[in-house]
Amino acid sequence: MSDAFDPDHERAALALDAQIDAVLAGRWTADDDAVVHRLAATIRTDPPPALGARVAGELRRTAHRRLAPVRVAAAAMAYLFISHGVGNLVNPEWIARNVGEPNSVHFATEGGLALVAVGLVVALAALRPVWLPAAVTAGVPLGLAFGVLGVREIGEFNGGAVLHLSQLAVALYLGIALWRHRRYARALRDEGGA
């Protein structure tokens, strides 16, 4: 037996390696070695459906567990928006008097209804995580805007400042938390046909 290097053997071995890689990657051709096809077919098995269902179930459970704090933040944001909106609807005079502005029942009613609507969208996310992207899209910019307005109310209307700064804090947490857990939100995207 000779220990001499044979470039033809090396080329053949590299070609066989490339062919095996291609076949395993699903790129089969009629020119491939029949033995490579048989070997690839024997090691390639589809997982049983029960295993796929168990893996999908575990992924959903993990996603629900990881998104629990995000859903709690969505519930808090929904409460802040809905209570703010209801306050605008039932007592606009008191709010106008405390912020030192003229009362406009028309604008207070429209703003209150809009806040309740956004609050309900955010509340859906607390109940169904597939709504989290919609809750963040609707709630986070609104919470940030109210937070900026709340800074002006410090010392003028402390109740309003506390409400708006709370909306700011929850909006920041909700946006950052969902961004950090976005892969789990994607995992639940198709849950329940959503």
C-alpha atoms as a PDB file:
ATOM      1  CA  MET A   1       0.000   0.000   0.000  1.00  0.00           C
ATOM      2  CA  SER A   2       1.357   3.360  -1.009  1.00  0.00           C
ATOM      3  CA  ASP A   3       1.200   6.440   1.219  1.00  0.00           C
ATOM      4  CA  ALA A   4       1.568   8.726  -1.777  1.00  0.00           C
ATOM      5  CA  PHE A   5      -0.952  11.556  -2.102  1.00  0.00           C
ATOM      6  CA  ASP A   6      -3.383  11.033  -4.982  1.00  0.00           C
ATOM      7  CA  PRO A   7      -5.125  14.260  -6.095  1.00  0.00           C
ATOM      8  CA  ASP A   8      -7.773  12.254  -8.001  1.00  0.00           C
ATOM      9  CA  HIS A   9      -8.822  10.472  -4.798  1.00  0.00           C
ATOM     10  CA  GLU A  10      -9.046  13.795  -2.968  1.00  0.00           C
ATOM     11  CA  ARG A  11     -11.202  15.320  -5.720  1.00  0.00           C
ATOM     12  CA  ALA A  12     -13.490  12.268  -5.708  1.00  0.00           C
ATOM     13  CA  ALA A  13     -13.844  12.409  -1.916  1.00  0.00           C
ATOM     14  CA  LEU A  14     -14.633  16.136  -1.983  1.00  0.00           C
ATOM     15  CA  ALA A  15     -17.165  15.597  -4.780  1.00  0.00           C
ATOM     16  CA  LEU A  16     -18.828  12.803  -2.770  1.00  0.00           C
ATOM     17  CA  ASP A  17     -18.955  15.079   0.298  1.00  0.00           C
ATOM     18  CA  ALA A  18     -20.566  17.842  -1.750  1.00  0.00           C
ATOM     19  CA  GLN A  19     -23.063  15.372  -3.206  1.00  0.00           C
ATOM     20  CA  ILE A  20     -23.991  14.051   0.255  1.00  0.00           C
ATOM     21  CA  ASP A  21     -24.455  17.619   1.536  1.00  0.00           C
ATOM     22  CA  ALA A  22     -26.668  18.468  -1.452  1.00  0.00           C
ATOM     23  CA  VAL A  23     -28.810  15.342  -1.070  1.00  0.00           C
ATOM     24  CA  LEU A  24     -29.251  15.913   2.675  1.00  0.00           C
ATOM     25  CA  ALA A  25     -30.243  19.518   1.947  1.00  0.00           C
ATOM     26  CA  GLY A  26     -32.958  18.244  -0.409  1.00  0.00           C
ATOM     27  CA  ARG A  27     -31.223  19.006  -3.702  1.00  0.00           C
ATOM     28  CA  TRP A  28     -31.501  15.603  -5.407  1.00  0.00           C
ATOM     29  CA  THR A  29     -30.463  15.074  -8.996  1.00  0.00           C
ATOM     30  CA  ALA A  30     -30.630  12.066 -11.305  1.00  0.00           C
ATOM     31  CA  ASP A  31     -26.822  11.987 -11.496  1.00  0.00           C
ATOM     32  CA  ASP A  32     -26.386  11.393  -7.752  1.00  0.00           C
ATOM     33  CA  ASP A  33     -24.954   8.109  -6.543  1.00  0.00           C
ATOM     34  CA  ALA A  34     -27.807   5.647  -5.833  1.00  0.00           C
ATOM     35  CA  VAL A  35     -26.155   4.599  -2.554  1.00  0.00           C
ATOM     36  CA  VAL A  36     -26.184   8.224  -1.369  1.00  0.00           C
ATOM     37  CA  HIS A  37     -29.922   8.421  -2.163  1.00  0.00           C
ATOM     38  CA  ARG A  38     -30.681   5.192  -0.247  1.00  0.00           C
ATOM     39  CA  LEU A  39     -28.635   6.243   2.765  1.00  0.00           C
ATOM     40  CA  ALA A  40     -30.218   9.698   2.863  1.00  0.00           C
ATOM     41  CA  ALA A  41     -33.720   8.193   2.593  1.00  0.00           C
ATOM     42  CA  THR A  42     -33.102   5.777   5.476  1.00  0.00           C
ATOM     43  CA  ILE A  43     -31.879   8.438   7.908  1.00  0.00           C
ATOM     44  CA  ARG A  44     -34.591  10.941   6.973  1.00  0.00           C
ATOM     45  CA  THR A  45     -37.738  10.201   8.923  1.00  0.00           C
ATOM     46  CA  ASP A  46     -40.699  12.408   9.580  1.00  0.00           C
ATOM     47  CA  PRO A  47     -41.399  12.883  13.274  1.00  0.00           C
ATOM     48  CA  PRO A  48     -44.599  11.304  14.527  1.00  0.00           C
ATOM     49  CA  PRO A  49     -47.558  13.715  14.672  1.00  0.00           C
ATOM     50  CA  ALA A  50     -47.823  13.211  18.439  1.00  0.00           C
ATOM     51  CA  LEU A  51     -44.273  14.538  18.860  1.00  0.00           C
ATOM     52  CA  GLY A  52     -45.084  17.591  16.748  1.00  0.00           C
ATOM     53  CA  ALA A  53     -48.186  18.240  18.860  1.00  0.00           C
ATOM     54  CA  ARG A  54     -46.190  17.885  22.101  1.00  0.00           C
ATOM     55  CA  VAL A  55     -43.494  20.291  20.871  1.00  0.00           C
ATOM     56  CA  ALA A  56     -46.112  22.821  19.723  1.00  0.00           C
ATOM     57  CA  GLY A  57     -47.926  22.523  23.066  1.00  0.00           C
ATOM     58  CA  GLU A  58     -44.713  23.077  25.012  1.00  0.00           C
ATOM     59  CA  LEU A  59     -43.886  26.103  22.855  1.00  0.00           C
ATOM     60  CA  ARG A  60     -47.340  27.584  23.580  1.00  0.00           C
ATOM     61  CA  ARG A  61     -46.965  26.939  27.329  1.00  0.00           C
ATOM     62  CA  THR A  62     -43.527  28.570  27.345  1.00  0.00           C
ATOM     63  CA  ALA A  63     -44.830  31.540  25.366  1.00  0.00           C
ATOM     64  CA  HIS A  64     -47.788  32.010  27.736  1.00  0.00           C
ATOM     65  CA  ARG A  65     -45.468  31.833  30.763  1.00  0.00           C
ATOM     66  CA  ARG A  66     -42.934  34.298  29.294  1.00  0.00           C
ATOM     67  CA  LEU A  67     -45.660  36.712  28.196  1.00  0.00           C
ATOM     68  CA  ALA A  68     -47.474  36.720  31.557  1.00  0.00           C
ATOM     69  CA  PRO A  69     -45.752  39.928  32.811  1.00  0.00           C
ATOM     70  CA  VAL A  70     -46.433  41.611  29.453  1.00  0.00           C
ATOM     71  CA  ARG A  71     -50.101  40.655  29.738  1.00  0.00           C
ATOM     72  CA  VAL A  72     -50.240  42.070  33.287  1.00  0.00           C
ATOM     73  CA  ALA A  73     -48.799  45.337  31.943  1.00  0.00           C
ATOM     74  CA  ALA A  74     -51.444  45.307  29.199  1.00  0.00           C
ATOM     75  CA  ALA A  75     -54.138  44.860  31.866  1.00  0.00           C
ATOM     76  CA  ALA A  76     -52.716  47.789  33.841  1.00  0.00           C
ATOM     77  CA  MET A  77     -52.604  49.963  30.731  1.00  0.00           C
ATOM     78  CA  ALA A  78     -56.175  48.982  29.832  1.00  0.00           C
ATOM     79  CA  TYR A  79     -57.322  49.936  33.327  1.00  0.00           C
ATOM     80  CA  LEU A  80     -55.568  53.314  33.120  1.00  0.00           C
ATOM     81  CA  PHE A  81     -57.034  54.127  29.693  1.00  0.00           C
ATOM     82  CA  ILE A  82     -60.560  52.932  30.470  1.00  0.00           C
ATOM     83  CA  SER A  83     -60.704  54.711  33.829  1.00  0.00           C
ATOM     84  CA  HIS A  84     -59.330  57.863  32.180  1.00  0.00           C
ATOM     85  CA  GLY A  85     -61.960  57.628  29.447  1.00  0.00           C
ATOM     86  CA  VAL A  86     -64.789  56.983  31.900  1.00  0.00           C
ATOM     87  CA  GLY A  87     -63.594  59.967  33.943  1.00  0.00           C
ATOM     88  CA  ASN A  88     -63.820  62.135  30.833  1.00  0.00           C
ATOM     89  CA  LEU A  89     -67.332  60.862  30.160  1.00  0.00           C
ATOM     90  CA  VAL A  90     -68.832  61.193  33.643  1.00  0.00           C
ATOM     91  CA  ASN A  91     -67.050  64.187  35.143  1.00  0.00           C
ATOM     92  CA  PRO A  92     -65.564  66.493  32.496  1.00  0.00           C
ATOM     93  CA  GLU A  93     -66.347  69.620  34.557  1.00  0.00           C
ATOM     94  CA  TRP A  94     -64.174  68.479  37.463  1.00  0.00           C
ATOM     95  CA  ILE A  95     -61.258  67.671  35.138  1.00  0.00           C
ATOM     96  CA  ALA A  96     -61.558  71.022  33.313  1.00  0.00           C
ATOM     97  CA  ARG A  97     -61.666  72.908  36.618  1.00  0.00           C
ATOM     98  CA  ASN A  98     -58.536  71.129  37.923  1.00  0.00           C
ATOM     99  CA  VAL A  99     -56.474  71.732  34.804  1.00  0.00           C
ATOM    100  CA  GLY A 100     -57.674  75.314  34.526  1.00  0.00           C
ATOM    101  CA  GLU A 101     -59.216  74.987  31.098  1.00  0.00           C
ATOM    102  CA  PRO A 102     -62.730  75.623  29.784  1.00  0.00           C
ATOM    103  CA  ASN A 103     -65.040  72.622  29.839  1.00  0.00           C
ATOM    104  CA  SER A 104     -66.052  71.187  26.476  1.00  0.00           C
ATOM    105  CA  VAL A 105     -68.468  68.314  26.952  1.00  0.00           C
ATOM    106  CA  HIS A 106     -68.282  67.506  23.249  1.00  0.00           C
ATOM    107  CA  PHE A 107     -64.484  67.047  23.233  1.00  0.00           C
ATOM    108  CA  ALA A 108     -64.488  65.320  26.613  1.00  0.00           C
ATOM    109  CA  THR A 109     -67.090  62.827  25.359  1.00  0.00           C
ATOM    110  CA  GLU A 110     -65.239  62.120  22.133  1.00  0.00           C
ATOM    111  CA  GLY A 111     -61.908  61.795  23.969  1.00  0.00           C
ATOM    112  CA  GLY A 112     -63.488  59.567  26.602  1.00  0.00           C
ATOM    113  CA  LEU A 113     -64.968  57.248  23.991  1.00  0.00           C
ATOM    114  CA  ALA A 114     -61.636  57.057  22.154  1.00  0.00           C
ATOM    115  CA  LEU A 115     -59.797  56.238  25.386  1.00  0.00           C
ATOM    116  CA  VAL A 116     -62.291  53.512  26.258  1.00  0.00           C
ATOM    117  CA  ALA A 117     -61.899  52.045  22.750  1.00  0.00           C
ATOM    118  CA  VAL A 118     -58.097  51.972  22.978  1.00  0.00           C
ATOM    119  CA  GLY A 119     -58.400  50.571  26.500  1.00  0.00           C
ATOM    120  CA  LEU A 120     -60.575  47.727  25.216  1.00  0.00           C
ATOM    121  CA  VAL A 121     -58.036  46.856  22.499  1.00  0.00           C
ATOM    122  CA  VAL A 122     -55.296  46.788  25.118  1.00  0.00           C
ATOM    123  CA  ALA A 123     -57.536  44.728  27.436  1.00  0.00           C
ATOM    124  CA  LEU A 124     -57.903  42.133  24.680  1.00  0.00           C
ATOM    125  CA  ALA A 125     -54.127  41.678  24.786  1.00  0.00           C
ATOM    126  CA  ALA A 126     -54.307  40.916  28.492  1.00  0.00           C
ATOM    127  CA  LEU A 127     -56.809  38.174  27.705  1.00  0.00           C
ATOM    128  CA  ARG A 128     -55.383  36.928  24.391  1.00  0.00           C
ATOM    129  CA  PRO A 129     -51.644  37.370  23.765  1.00  0.00           C
ATOM    130  CA  VAL A 130     -52.147  37.382  19.991  1.00  0.00           C
ATOM    131  CA  TRP A 131     -53.496  40.934  20.477  1.00  0.00           C
ATOM    132  CA  LEU A 132     -50.247  42.163  22.085  1.00  0.00           C
ATOM    133  CA  PRO A 133     -48.852  43.746  18.888  1.00  0.00           C
ATOM    134  CA  ALA A 134     -52.113  45.663  18.384  1.00  0.00           C
ATOM    135  CA  ALA A 135     -52.088  46.733  22.034  1.00  0.00           C
ATOM    136  CA  VAL A 136     -48.538  48.016  21.748  1.00  0.00           C
ATOM    137  CA  THR A 137     -49.277  49.779  18.467  1.00  0.00           C
ATOM    138  CA  ALA A 138     -52.343  51.528  19.896  1.00  0.00           C
ATOM    139  CA  GLY A 139     -51.398  51.934  23.542  1.00  0.00           C
ATOM    140  CA  VAL A 140     -47.699  52.681  23.759  1.00  0.00           C
ATOM    141  CA  PRO A 141     -47.660  55.903  21.666  1.00  0.00           C
ATOM    142  CA  LEU A 142     -50.761  57.130  23.481  1.00  0.00           C
ATOM    143  CA  GLY A 143     -49.237  56.327  26.878  1.00  0.00           C
ATOM    144  CA  LEU A 144     -46.020  58.122  25.930  1.00  0.00           C
ATOM    145  CA  ALA A 145     -47.953  61.188  24.756  1.00  0.00           C
ATOM    146  CA  PHE A 146     -50.001  61.280  27.963  1.00  0.00           C
ATOM    147  CA  GLY A 147     -46.782  60.943  29.960  1.00  0.00           C
ATOM    148  CA  VAL A 148     -45.368  64.042  28.301  1.00  0.00           C
ATOM    149  CA  LEU A 149     -48.597  65.902  29.092  1.00  0.00           C
ATOM    150  CA  GLY A 150     -48.442  64.644  32.672  1.00  0.00           C
ATOM    151  CA  VAL A 151     -45.138  66.399  33.313  1.00  0.00           C
ATOM    152  CA  ARG A 152     -46.893  69.751  32.807  1.00  0.00           C
ATOM    153  CA  GLU A 153     -49.556  68.817  35.344  1.00  0.00           C
ATOM    154  CA  ILE A 154     -47.105  68.250  38.218  1.00  0.00           C
ATOM    155  CA  GLY A 155     -47.942  70.812  40.880  1.00  0.00           C
ATOM    156  CA  GLU A 156     -51.005  71.992  38.948  1.00  0.00           C
ATOM    157  CA  PHE A 157     -53.227  68.882  39.035  1.00  0.00           C
ATOM    158  CA  ASN A 158     -51.407  66.132  40.887  1.00  0.00           C
ATOM    159  CA  GLY A 159     -54.137  63.551  40.240  1.00  0.00           C
ATOM    160  CA  GLY A 160     -53.748  64.056  36.501  1.00  0.00           C
ATOM    161  CA  ALA A 161     -49.957  64.005  36.779  1.00  0.00           C
ATOM    162  CA  VAL A 162     -50.055  60.674  38.630  1.00  0.00           C
ATOM    163  CA  LEU A 163     -52.422  59.199  36.031  1.00  0.00           C
ATOM    164  CA  HIS A 164     -50.380  60.390  33.052  1.00  0.00           C
ATOM    165  CA  LEU A 165     -47.007  59.444  34.509  1.00  0.00           C
ATOM    166  CA  SER A 166     -48.431  56.004  35.327  1.00  0.00           C
ATOM    167  CA  GLN A 167     -49.535  55.704  31.709  1.00  0.00           C
ATOM    168  CA  LEU A 168     -46.017  56.659  30.649  1.00  0.00           C
ATOM    169  CA  ALA A 169     -44.379  54.083  32.915  1.00  0.00           C
ATOM    170  CA  VAL A 170     -46.683  51.271  31.828  1.00  0.00           C
ATOM    171  CA  ALA A 171     -46.312  52.221  28.147  1.00  0.00           C
ATOM    172  CA  LEU A 172     -42.521  52.108  28.409  1.00  0.00           C
ATOM    173  CA  TYR A 173     -42.586  48.767  30.201  1.00  0.00           C
ATOM    174  CA  LEU A 174     -45.123  47.267  27.780  1.00  0.00           C
ATOM    175  CA  GLY A 175     -43.208  48.369  24.674  1.00  0.00           C
ATOM    176  CA  ILE A 176     -39.824  47.196  25.949  1.00  0.00           C
ATOM    177  CA  ALA A 177     -41.156  43.930  27.392  1.00  0.00           C
ATOM    178  CA  LEU A 178     -42.949  42.940  24.204  1.00  0.00           C
ATOM    179  CA  TRP A 179     -39.891  43.824  22.140  1.00  0.00           C
ATOM    180  CA  ARG A 180     -37.751  41.604  24.399  1.00  0.00           C
ATOM    181  CA  HIS A 181     -40.282  38.746  24.197  1.00  0.00           C
ATOM    182  CA  ARG A 182     -41.279  39.212  20.553  1.00  0.00           C
ATOM    183  CA  ARG A 183     -40.346  35.643  19.570  1.00  0.00           C
ATOM    184  CA  TYR A 184     -42.908  34.319  22.051  1.00  0.00           C
ATOM    185  CA  ALA A 185     -45.547  36.692  20.700  1.00  0.00           C
ATOM    186  CA  ARG A 186     -44.796  35.369  17.193  1.00  0.00           C
ATOM    187  CA  ALA A 187     -45.128  31.804  18.489  1.00  0.00           C
ATOM    188  CA  LEU A 188     -48.714  32.550  19.523  1.00  0.00           C
ATOM    189  CA  ARG A 189     -49.566  34.511  16.378  1.00  0.00           C
ATOM    190  CA  ASP A 190     -51.622  31.694  14.847  1.00  0.00           C
ATOM    191  CA  GLU A 191     -53.177  30.499  18.081  1.00  0.00           C
ATOM    192  CA  GLY A 192     -56.937  30.426  17.912  1.00  0.00           C
ATOM    193  CA  GLY A 193     -57.009  31.282  14.221  1.00  0.00           C
ATOM    194  CA  ALA A 194     -55.806  34.852  14.786  1.00  0.00           C
END
